[in-house]
C-alpha atoms as a PDB file:
ATOM      1  CA  UNK A   1     -88.836  -4.604 -29.121  1.00  0.00           C
ATOM      2  CA  UNK A   2     -89.602  -7.259 -31.619  1.00  0.00           C
ATOM      3  CA  UNK A   3     -90.922  -5.109 -34.207  1.00  0.00           C
ATOM      4  CA  UNK A   4     -87.882  -2.803 -33.896  1.00  0.00           C
ATOM      5  CA  UNK A   5     -85.502  -5.897 -34.407  1.00  0.00           C
ATOM      6  CA  UNK A   6     -87.353  -7.248 -37.256  1.00  0.00           C
ATOM      7  CA  UNK A   7     -87.605  -3.692 -38.944  1.00  0.00           C
ATOM      8  CA  UNK A   8     -83.655  -3.569 -38.343  1.00  0.00           C
ATOM      9  CA  UNK A   9     -83.021  -6.920 -39.747  1.00  0.00           C
ATOM     10  CA  UNK A  10     -84.933  -5.914 -42.844  1.00  0.00           C
ATOM     11  CA  UNK A  11     -83.130  -2.921 -43.344  1.00  0.00           C
ATOM     12  CA  UNK A  12     -79.660  -4.437 -43.031  1.00  0.00           C
ATOM     13  CA  UNK A  13     -80.442  -7.239 -45.528  1.00  0.00           C
ATOM     14  CA  UNK A  14     -82.378  -4.573 -48.206  1.00  0.00           C
ATOM     15  CA  UNK A  15     -78.735  -2.402 -47.907  1.00  0.00           C
ATOM     16  CA  UNK A  16     -76.624  -5.441 -48.224  1.00  0.00           C
ATOM     17  CA  UNK A  17     -78.674  -6.671 -51.209  1.00  0.00           C
ATOM     18  CA  UNK A  18     -78.619  -3.326 -52.827  1.00  0.00           C
ATOM     19  CA  UNK A  19     -75.109  -2.860 -52.261  1.00  0.00           C
ATOM     20  CA  UNK A  20     -74.069  -6.363 -53.897  1.00  0.00           C
ATOM     21  CA  UNK A  21     -76.416  -5.722 -56.834  1.00  0.00           C
ATOM     22  CA  UNK A  22     -75.133  -2.348 -57.792  1.00  0.00           C
ATOM     23  CA  UNK A  23     -71.488  -3.230 -57.224  1.00  0.00           C
ATOM     24  CA  UNK A  24     -69.538  -2.385 -60.529  1.00  0.00           C
ATOM     25  CA  UNK A  25     -66.385  -4.133 -61.431  1.00  0.00           C
ATOM     26  CA  UNK A  26     -63.489  -1.735 -61.887  1.00  0.00           C
ATOM     27  CA  UNK A  27     -61.480  -1.069 -65.136  1.00  0.00           C
ATOM     28  CA  UNK A  28     -59.525  -3.735 -66.602  1.00  0.00           C
ATOM     29  CA  UNK A  29     -56.224  -1.732 -66.963  1.00  0.00           C
ATOM     30  CA  UNK A  30     -55.432   1.539 -67.042  1.00  0.00           C
ATOM     31  CA  UNK A  31     -56.412   2.906 -70.416  1.00  0.00           C
ATOM     32  CA  UNK A  32     -53.989   4.658 -72.669  1.00  0.00           C
ATOM     33  CA  UNK A  33     -54.197   8.694 -72.450  1.00  0.00           C
ATOM     34  CA  UNK A  34     -54.203  10.361 -75.615  1.00  0.00           C
ATOM     35  CA  UNK A  35     -52.898  14.049 -75.497  1.00  0.00           C
ATOM     36  CA  UNK A  36     -54.775  17.027 -76.930  1.00  0.00           C
ATOM     37  CA  UNK A  37     -51.965  18.603 -78.827  1.00  0.00           C
ATOM     38  CA  UNK A  38     -51.297  21.016 -82.112  1.00  0.00           C
ATOM     39  CA  UNK A  39     -53.732  19.560 -84.581  1.00  0.00           C
ATOM     40  CA  UNK A  40     -56.705  19.381 -82.556  1.00  0.00           C
ATOM     41  CA  UNK A  41     -56.199  22.721 -80.746  1.00  0.00           C
ATOM     42  CA  UNK A  42     -56.057  24.202 -84.151  1.00  0.00           C
ATOM     43  CA  UNK A  43     -59.584  22.527 -85.039  1.00  0.00           C
ATOM     44  CA  UNK A  44     -60.989  23.867 -82.164  1.00  0.00           C
ATOM     45  CA  UNK A  45     -59.714  27.339 -82.704  1.00  0.00           C
ATOM     46  CA  UNK A  46     -61.013  27.252 -85.950  1.00  0.00           C
ATOM     47  CA  UNK A  47     -64.231  26.040 -85.269  1.00  0.00           C
ATOM     48  CA  UNK A  48     -64.776  28.649 -82.710  1.00  0.00           C
ATOM     49  CA  UNK A  49     -63.921  31.375 -84.651  1.00  0.00           C
ATOM     50  CA  UNK A  50     -66.206  30.014 -87.483  1.00  0.00           C
ATOM     51  CA  UNK A  51     -69.141  30.013 -84.963  1.00  0.00           C
ATOM     52  CA  UNK A  52     -68.437  33.426 -83.703  1.00  0.00           C
ATOM     53  CA  UNK A  53     -68.228  34.719 -87.578  1.00  0.00           C
ATOM     54  CA  UNK A  54     -71.610  32.910 -88.041  1.00  0.00           C
ATOM     55  CA  UNK A  55     -73.157  34.338 -84.978  1.00  0.00           C
ATOM     56  CA  UNK A  56     -72.133  37.785 -86.058  1.00  0.00           C
ATOM     57  CA  UNK A  57     -73.545  37.389 -89.755  1.00  0.00           C
ATOM     58  CA  UNK A  58     -76.726  36.369 -88.114  1.00  0.00           C
ATOM     59  CA  UNK A  59     -76.765  39.323 -85.959  1.00  0.00           C
ATOM     60  CA  UNK A  60     -76.110  41.791 -88.858  1.00  0.00           C
ATOM     61  CA  UNK A  61     -79.141  40.491 -90.760  1.00  0.00           C
END
């Protein structure tokens, strides 16, 4: 009984210590969200088409 009590107390202390040590603070405020719109979407589409072209060119060689 004494060993079980000591083991349980030790585990509780370890869990509390780990919880306090690994606790992370939250964000200071809500960050501003930047929408992904026209320009970035066009650049992504052009990059994708360029990658496809390069893969097809490499396949033909």
